[in-house]
Amino acid sequence: MAKLGNFEFGELIELQRKLRRMQQDYPAFVEECIREIALRLLAKTVARTPVDTGLLRRSWQITAVRRVPGGYQVDVFNPVEYAKFVEFGHRTASGTGWVEGRFMLTISERELQREMPGLLDRKIKTFMDQHLS
């Protein structure tokens, strides 16, 4: 029978260790990505929010990232009573006219969706480099 030679498994064992560590760190990495995306959305939305007294702009908030069935969730919201009217528009007090919405959250979401692939690609590359190099 032919001799196959000597094998060194040290590098494979090291790769296995790195992959296990990567697997352990992955949930925290996902939460970090979601938190960063939420903070970016918050910043974009605040910048687009019109200012009269400043209350509406100061009131934007985000919740903590939480696990839900099927994934993760974080909410970006404004508890000010009139926020939805500024976002989506409303009738005038006399009821004869219409004030257009400013869509500060809606526009920010769309803009962020276009930016997310590049942002996530960079973050994933960094995560992999940290664990596999």
N, C-alpha and C. Protein backbone atom coordinates (compact mmCIF):
# COMPACT_ATOMS: atom_id res chain seq x y z
N MET A 1 0.84 -1.16 0.00
CA MET A 1 0.00 0.00 0.00
C MET A 1 0.89 1.24 0.00
N ALA A 2 0.45 2.29 -0.73
CA ALA A 2 1.24 3.51 -0.85
C ALA A 2 1.14 4.36 0.41
N LYS A 3 2.24 5.01 0.71
CA LYS A 3 2.29 5.88 1.88
C LYS A 3 1.80 7.28 1.47
N LEU A 4 0.87 7.85 2.25
CA LEU A 4 0.28 9.14 1.91
C LEU A 4 1.10 10.32 2.43
N GLY A 5 1.92 10.13 3.39
CA GLY A 5 2.76 11.21 3.91
C GLY A 5 2.28 11.66 5.27
N ASN A 6 2.99 12.64 5.80
CA ASN A 6 2.68 13.20 7.11
C ASN A 6 1.82 14.45 6.95
N PHE A 7 0.85 14.59 7.82
CA PHE A 7 -0.02 15.76 7.78
C PHE A 7 0.12 16.52 9.09
N GLU A 8 0.16 17.82 8.96
CA GLU A 8 0.15 18.71 10.12
C GLU A 8 -1.24 19.33 10.20
N PHE A 9 -1.93 19.10 11.27
CA PHE A 9 -3.29 19.59 11.43
C PHE A 9 -3.37 20.85 12.28
N GLY A 10 -2.25 21.38 12.67
CA GLY A 10 -2.22 22.56 13.53
C GLY A 10 -2.97 23.74 12.93
N GLU A 11 -2.78 23.98 11.63
CA GLU A 11 -3.45 25.12 10.99
C GLU A 11 -4.95 24.90 10.90
N LEU A 12 -5.37 23.67 10.65
CA LEU A 12 -6.80 23.38 10.60
C LEU A 12 -7.43 23.52 11.98
N ILE A 13 -6.74 23.11 13.00
CA ILE A 13 -7.24 23.25 14.36
C ILE A 13 -7.35 24.73 14.73
N GLU A 14 -6.37 25.52 14.31
CA GLU A 14 -6.40 26.96 14.56
C GLU A 14 -7.56 27.61 13.81
N LEU A 15 -7.79 27.21 12.56
CA LEU A 15 -8.93 27.73 11.79
C LEU A 15 -10.24 27.37 12.47
N GLN A 16 -10.34 26.14 12.96
CA GLN A 16 -11.55 25.71 13.66
C GLN A 16 -11.78 26.58 14.91
N ARG A 17 -10.74 26.88 15.64
CA ARG A 17 -10.85 27.73 16.82
C ARG A 17 -11.33 29.14 16.44
N LYS A 18 -10.76 29.67 15.37
CA LYS A 18 -11.16 31.01 14.91
C LYS A 18 -12.61 31.03 14.46
N LEU A 19 -13.04 29.98 13.76
CA LEU A 19 -14.42 29.91 13.29
C LEU A 19 -15.40 29.78 14.46
N ARG A 20 -15.02 29.04 15.47
CA ARG A 20 -15.89 28.94 16.66
C ARG A 20 -16.00 30.29 17.36
N ARG A 21 -14.90 30.99 17.47
CA ARG A 21 -14.91 32.32 18.08
C ARG A 21 -15.78 33.27 17.25
N MET A 22 -15.68 33.19 15.94
CA MET A 22 -16.47 34.02 15.04
C MET A 22 -17.97 33.73 15.25
N GLN A 23 -18.29 32.46 15.38
CA GLN A 23 -19.67 32.06 15.61
C GLN A 23 -20.19 32.61 16.94
N GLN A 24 -19.37 32.60 17.96
CA GLN A 24 -19.76 33.13 19.27
C GLN A 24 -19.97 34.65 19.22
N ASP A 25 -19.13 35.34 18.48
CA ASP A 25 -19.18 36.80 18.41
C ASP A 25 -20.24 37.32 17.44
N TYR A 26 -20.79 36.44 16.60
CA TYR A 26 -21.70 36.88 15.54
C TYR A 26 -22.95 37.58 16.07
N PRO A 27 -23.67 37.06 17.07
CA PRO A 27 -24.86 37.78 17.54
C PRO A 27 -24.56 39.20 18.02
N ALA A 28 -23.47 39.39 18.72
CA ALA A 28 -23.10 40.75 19.16
C ALA A 28 -22.76 41.63 17.97
N PHE A 29 -22.13 41.04 16.95
CA PHE A 29 -21.81 41.78 15.74
C PHE A 29 -23.09 42.24 15.04
N VAL A 30 -24.07 41.37 14.92
CA VAL A 30 -25.34 41.72 14.28
C VAL A 30 -26.01 42.85 15.05
N GLU A 31 -26.06 42.74 16.37
CA GLU A 31 -26.66 43.80 17.19
C GLU A 31 -25.93 45.12 17.02
N GLU A 32 -24.61 45.06 16.93
CA GLU A 32 -23.82 46.28 16.71
C GLU A 32 -24.16 46.92 15.36
N CYS A 33 -24.30 46.10 14.33
CA CYS A 33 -24.66 46.60 13.00
C CYS A 33 -26.04 47.26 13.03
N ILE A 34 -26.99 46.60 13.66
CA ILE A 34 -28.35 47.13 13.74
C ILE A 34 -28.36 48.44 14.51
N ARG A 35 -27.62 48.50 15.61
CA ARG A 35 -27.54 49.72 16.41
C ARG A 35 -26.94 50.86 15.58
N GLU A 36 -25.89 50.57 14.83
CA GLU A 36 -25.27 51.61 14.00
C GLU A 36 -26.23 52.10 12.92
N ILE A 37 -26.95 51.19 12.30
CA ILE A 37 -27.93 51.57 11.27
C ILE A 37 -29.02 52.44 11.90
N ALA A 38 -29.51 52.05 13.07
CA ALA A 38 -30.54 52.83 13.75
C ALA A 38 -30.03 54.22 14.11
N LEU A 39 -28.80 54.32 14.58
CA LEU A 39 -28.23 55.63 14.93
C LEU A 39 -28.05 56.50 13.69
N ARG A 40 -27.68 55.88 12.58
CA ARG A 40 -27.56 56.65 11.33
C ARG A 40 -28.92 57.16 10.88
N LEU A 41 -29.93 56.27 10.99
CA LEU A 41 -31.29 56.68 10.63
C LEU A 41 -31.75 57.82 11.52
N LEU A 42 -31.49 57.72 12.81
CA LEU A 42 -31.86 58.77 13.75
C LEU A 42 -31.19 60.10 13.37
N ALA A 43 -29.90 60.05 13.08
CA ALA A 43 -29.17 61.28 12.73
C ALA A 43 -29.72 61.92 11.46
N LYS A 44 -29.98 61.10 10.45
CA LYS A 44 -30.53 61.63 9.20
C LYS A 44 -31.91 62.25 9.42
N THR A 45 -32.72 61.56 10.22
CA THR A 45 -34.09 62.03 10.47
C THR A 45 -34.08 63.34 11.26
N VAL A 46 -33.26 63.40 12.29
CA VAL A 46 -33.18 64.62 13.09
C VAL A 46 -32.74 65.79 12.21
N ALA A 47 -31.78 65.57 11.35
CA ALA A 47 -31.29 66.65 10.47
C ALA A 47 -32.38 67.14 9.52
N ARG A 48 -33.29 66.27 9.12
CA ARG A 48 -34.36 66.64 8.19
C ARG A 48 -35.59 67.22 8.89
N THR A 49 -35.65 67.11 10.19
CA THR A 49 -36.83 67.56 10.92
C THR A 49 -36.86 69.08 10.99
N PRO A 50 -37.98 69.68 10.55
CA PRO A 50 -38.07 71.14 10.60
C PRO A 50 -38.08 71.64 12.05
N VAL A 51 -37.61 72.85 12.23
CA VAL A 51 -37.51 73.43 13.57
C VAL A 51 -38.39 74.67 13.66
N ASP A 52 -39.27 74.64 14.62
CA ASP A 52 -40.03 75.83 14.99
C ASP A 52 -39.63 76.15 16.43
N THR A 53 -40.06 75.31 17.36
CA THR A 53 -39.65 75.48 18.76
C THR A 53 -38.47 74.57 19.09
N GLY A 54 -38.23 73.55 18.26
CA GLY A 54 -37.16 72.61 18.51
C GLY A 54 -37.62 71.34 19.21
N LEU A 55 -38.86 71.32 19.70
CA LEU A 55 -39.37 70.17 20.42
C LEU A 55 -39.41 68.93 19.54
N LEU A 56 -39.90 69.07 18.33
CA LEU A 56 -40.01 67.91 17.44
C LEU A 56 -38.63 67.32 17.15
N ARG A 57 -37.68 68.16 16.86
CA ARG A 57 -36.33 67.69 16.54
C ARG A 57 -35.67 67.03 17.76
N ARG A 58 -35.83 67.59 18.93
CA ARG A 58 -35.22 67.04 20.15
C ARG A 58 -35.86 65.73 20.60
N SER A 59 -37.06 65.43 20.14
CA SER A 59 -37.82 64.30 20.69
C SER A 59 -37.59 62.97 19.98
N TRP A 60 -36.82 62.92 18.92
CA TRP A 60 -36.57 61.64 18.25
C TRP A 60 -35.82 60.71 19.20
N GLN A 61 -36.21 59.43 19.19
CA GLN A 61 -35.62 58.44 20.08
C GLN A 61 -35.46 57.10 19.36
N ILE A 62 -34.58 56.26 19.92
CA ILE A 62 -34.49 54.88 19.46
C ILE A 62 -34.56 53.97 20.69
N THR A 63 -35.08 52.77 20.45
CA THR A 63 -35.12 51.78 21.53
C THR A 63 -33.85 50.95 21.47
N ALA A 64 -33.64 50.16 22.48
CA ALA A 64 -32.52 49.22 22.47
C ALA A 64 -32.80 48.13 21.44
N VAL A 65 -31.76 47.55 20.90
CA VAL A 65 -31.91 46.42 19.98
C VAL A 65 -32.38 45.23 20.79
N ARG A 66 -33.41 44.56 20.29
CA ARG A 66 -33.91 43.38 21.00
C ARG A 66 -34.18 42.26 20.01
N ARG A 67 -34.00 41.05 20.51
CA ARG A 67 -34.27 39.87 19.70
C ARG A 67 -35.77 39.60 19.70
N VAL A 68 -36.30 39.32 18.53
CA VAL A 68 -37.70 38.94 18.37
C VAL A 68 -37.73 37.69 17.52
N PRO A 69 -38.83 36.96 17.54
CA PRO A 69 -38.90 35.78 16.67
C PRO A 69 -38.60 36.17 15.22
N GLY A 70 -37.64 35.50 14.64
CA GLY A 70 -37.27 35.76 13.26
C GLY A 70 -36.21 36.82 13.07
N GLY A 71 -35.66 37.39 14.13
CA GLY A 71 -34.62 38.39 13.94
C GLY A 71 -34.45 39.33 15.10
N TYR A 72 -34.20 40.59 14.76
CA TYR A 72 -33.95 41.63 15.74
C TYR A 72 -34.86 42.81 15.43
N GLN A 73 -35.05 43.67 16.43
CA GLN A 73 -35.90 44.83 16.22
C GLN A 73 -35.35 46.01 17.00
N VAL A 74 -35.44 47.17 16.39
CA VAL A 74 -35.15 48.44 17.05
C VAL A 74 -36.13 49.45 16.46
N ASP A 75 -36.64 50.33 17.29
CA ASP A 75 -37.62 51.31 16.82
C ASP A 75 -37.02 52.70 16.86
N VAL A 76 -37.28 53.47 15.81
CA VAL A 76 -36.95 54.89 15.76
C VAL A 76 -38.30 55.60 15.77
N PHE A 77 -38.50 56.47 16.74
CA PHE A 77 -39.82 57.07 16.87
C PHE A 77 -39.74 58.47 17.46
N ASN A 78 -40.86 59.17 17.33
CA ASN A 78 -40.98 60.50 17.92
C ASN A 78 -42.31 60.54 18.67
N PRO A 79 -42.28 60.66 20.01
CA PRO A 79 -43.51 60.63 20.78
C PRO A 79 -44.32 61.93 20.77
N VAL A 80 -43.83 62.95 20.10
CA VAL A 80 -44.55 64.22 20.07
C VAL A 80 -45.86 64.01 19.32
N GLU A 81 -46.93 64.53 19.88
CA GLU A 81 -48.28 64.29 19.38
C GLU A 81 -48.44 64.66 17.90
N TYR A 82 -47.84 65.72 17.45
CA TYR A 82 -48.04 66.19 16.08
C TYR A 82 -46.99 65.68 15.10
N ALA A 83 -46.10 64.78 15.54
CA ALA A 83 -45.03 64.30 14.66
C ALA A 83 -45.56 63.65 13.39
N LYS A 84 -46.60 62.83 13.51
CA LYS A 84 -47.13 62.16 12.31
C LYS A 84 -47.74 63.15 11.32
N PHE A 85 -48.26 64.28 11.82
CA PHE A 85 -48.82 65.27 10.91
C PHE A 85 -47.73 65.99 10.13
N VAL A 86 -46.61 66.23 10.79
CA VAL A 86 -45.48 66.86 10.11
C VAL A 86 -44.87 65.86 9.12
N GLU A 87 -44.80 64.59 9.50
CA GLU A 87 -44.24 63.56 8.63
C GLU A 87 -45.08 63.35 7.37
N PHE A 88 -46.38 63.18 7.54
CA PHE A 88 -47.23 62.76 6.42
C PHE A 88 -48.13 63.85 5.86
N GLY A 89 -48.21 64.99 6.51
CA GLY A 89 -49.07 66.06 6.04
C GLY A 89 -50.38 66.09 6.81
N HIS A 90 -51.12 67.20 6.64
CA HIS A 90 -52.39 67.35 7.36
C HIS A 90 -53.22 68.46 6.76
N ARG A 91 -54.50 68.45 7.09
CA ARG A 91 -55.39 69.53 6.68
C ARG A 91 -55.09 70.76 7.53
N THR A 92 -55.37 71.89 6.98
CA THR A 92 -55.21 73.13 7.75
C THR A 92 -56.32 73.23 8.79
N ALA A 93 -56.15 74.11 9.73
CA ALA A 93 -57.13 74.27 10.81
C ALA A 93 -58.51 74.61 10.26
N SER A 94 -58.56 75.35 9.19
CA SER A 94 -59.86 75.71 8.61
C SER A 94 -60.46 74.55 7.82
N GLY A 95 -59.65 73.56 7.51
CA GLY A 95 -60.15 72.40 6.77
C GLY A 95 -60.23 72.60 5.28
N THR A 96 -59.79 73.73 4.79
CA THR A 96 -59.90 74.01 3.36
C THR A 96 -58.62 73.76 2.59
N GLY A 97 -57.52 73.61 3.31
CA GLY A 97 -56.24 73.43 2.63
C GLY A 97 -55.49 72.21 3.14
N TRP A 98 -54.34 71.98 2.55
CA TRP A 98 -53.52 70.82 2.90
C TRP A 98 -52.07 71.26 3.08
N VAL A 99 -51.46 70.85 4.16
CA VAL A 99 -50.04 71.12 4.41
C VAL A 99 -49.30 69.83 4.06
N GLU A 100 -48.39 69.91 3.10
CA GLU A 100 -47.63 68.74 2.67
C GLU A 100 -46.75 68.22 3.80
N GLY A 101 -46.60 66.92 3.83
CA GLY A 101 -45.72 66.30 4.82
C GLY A 101 -44.26 66.56 4.49
N ARG A 102 -43.41 66.46 5.49
CA ARG A 102 -41.98 66.67 5.29
C ARG A 102 -41.25 65.35 5.08
N PHE A 103 -41.85 64.23 5.46
CA PHE A 103 -41.32 62.88 5.23
C PHE A 103 -39.87 62.72 5.69
N MET A 104 -39.57 63.32 6.85
CA MET A 104 -38.19 63.27 7.33
C MET A 104 -37.74 61.85 7.64
N LEU A 105 -38.59 61.02 8.22
CA LEU A 105 -38.23 59.63 8.51
C LEU A 105 -38.29 58.78 7.24
N THR A 106 -39.32 58.98 6.44
CA THR A 106 -39.49 58.20 5.20
C THR A 106 -38.32 58.39 4.25
N ILE A 107 -37.94 59.63 4.01
CA ILE A 107 -36.82 59.92 3.11
C ILE A 107 -35.52 59.38 3.68
N SER A 108 -35.33 59.52 4.98
CA SER A 108 -34.11 59.02 5.62
C SER A 108 -34.01 57.51 5.51
N GLU A 109 -35.13 56.80 5.66
CA GLU A 109 -35.13 55.35 5.52
C GLU A 109 -34.71 54.94 4.11
N ARG A 110 -35.28 55.58 3.11
CA ARG A 110 -34.94 55.25 1.72
C ARG A 110 -33.47 55.52 1.42
N GLU A 111 -32.97 56.64 1.91
CA GLU A 111 -31.56 56.98 1.70
C GLU A 111 -30.66 55.94 2.37
N LEU A 112 -31.00 55.56 3.58
CA LEU A 112 -30.19 54.59 4.31
C LEU A 112 -30.24 53.21 3.64
N GLN A 113 -31.37 52.84 3.08
CA GLN A 113 -31.46 51.55 2.38
C GLN A 113 -30.49 51.50 1.20
N ARG A 114 -30.28 52.62 0.54
CA ARG A 114 -29.32 52.65 -0.57
C ARG A 114 -27.88 52.55 -0.05
N GLU A 115 -27.62 53.10 1.12
CA GLU A 115 -26.27 53.10 1.69
C GLU A 115 -25.91 51.79 2.40
N MET A 116 -26.92 51.04 2.84
CA MET A 116 -26.67 49.86 3.68
C MET A 116 -25.80 48.79 3.04
N PRO A 117 -25.95 48.44 1.76
CA PRO A 117 -25.08 47.39 1.22
C PRO A 117 -23.59 47.70 1.38
N GLY A 118 -23.19 48.92 1.05
CA GLY A 118 -21.78 49.30 1.20
C GLY A 118 -21.35 49.32 2.65
N LEU A 119 -22.19 49.85 3.51
CA LEU A 119 -21.89 49.91 4.94
C LEU A 119 -21.72 48.50 5.51
N LEU A 120 -22.66 47.62 5.21
CA LEU A 120 -22.60 46.26 5.74
C LEU A 120 -21.44 45.47 5.14
N ASP A 121 -21.13 45.69 3.88
CA ASP A 121 -19.97 45.02 3.27
C ASP A 121 -18.69 45.38 4.03
N ARG A 122 -18.52 46.66 4.33
CA ARG A 122 -17.32 47.10 5.07
C ARG A 122 -17.28 46.49 6.47
N LYS A 123 -18.42 46.49 7.14
CA LYS A 123 -18.46 45.95 8.50
C LYS A 123 -18.20 44.44 8.52
N ILE A 124 -18.76 43.73 7.56
CA ILE A 124 -18.55 42.27 7.48
C ILE A 124 -17.09 41.97 7.17
N LYS A 125 -16.51 42.73 6.25
CA LYS A 125 -15.10 42.52 5.92
C LYS A 125 -14.23 42.74 7.15
N THR A 126 -14.49 43.79 7.89
CA THR A 126 -13.74 44.07 9.12
C THR A 126 -13.91 42.94 10.13
N PHE A 127 -15.14 42.48 10.32
CA PHE A 127 -15.43 41.39 11.25
C PHE A 127 -14.65 40.13 10.87
N MET A 128 -14.66 39.80 9.59
CA MET A 128 -13.96 38.60 9.13
C MET A 128 -12.44 38.76 9.26
N ASP A 129 -11.94 39.94 8.93
CA ASP A 129 -10.50 40.20 9.06
C ASP A 129 -10.06 40.06 10.52
N GLN A 130 -10.88 40.56 11.44
CA GLN A 130 -10.53 40.48 12.86
C GLN A 130 -10.48 39.03 13.35
N HIS A 131 -11.32 38.19 12.79
CA HIS A 131 -11.41 36.81 13.27
C HIS A 131 -10.54 35.82 12.50
N LEU A 132 -10.23 36.12 11.25
CA LEU A 132 -9.53 35.13 10.44
C LEU A 132 -8.08 35.49 10.14
N SER A 133 -7.65 36.68 10.50
CA SER A 133 -6.26 37.03 10.19
C SER A 133 -5.33 36.63 11.32
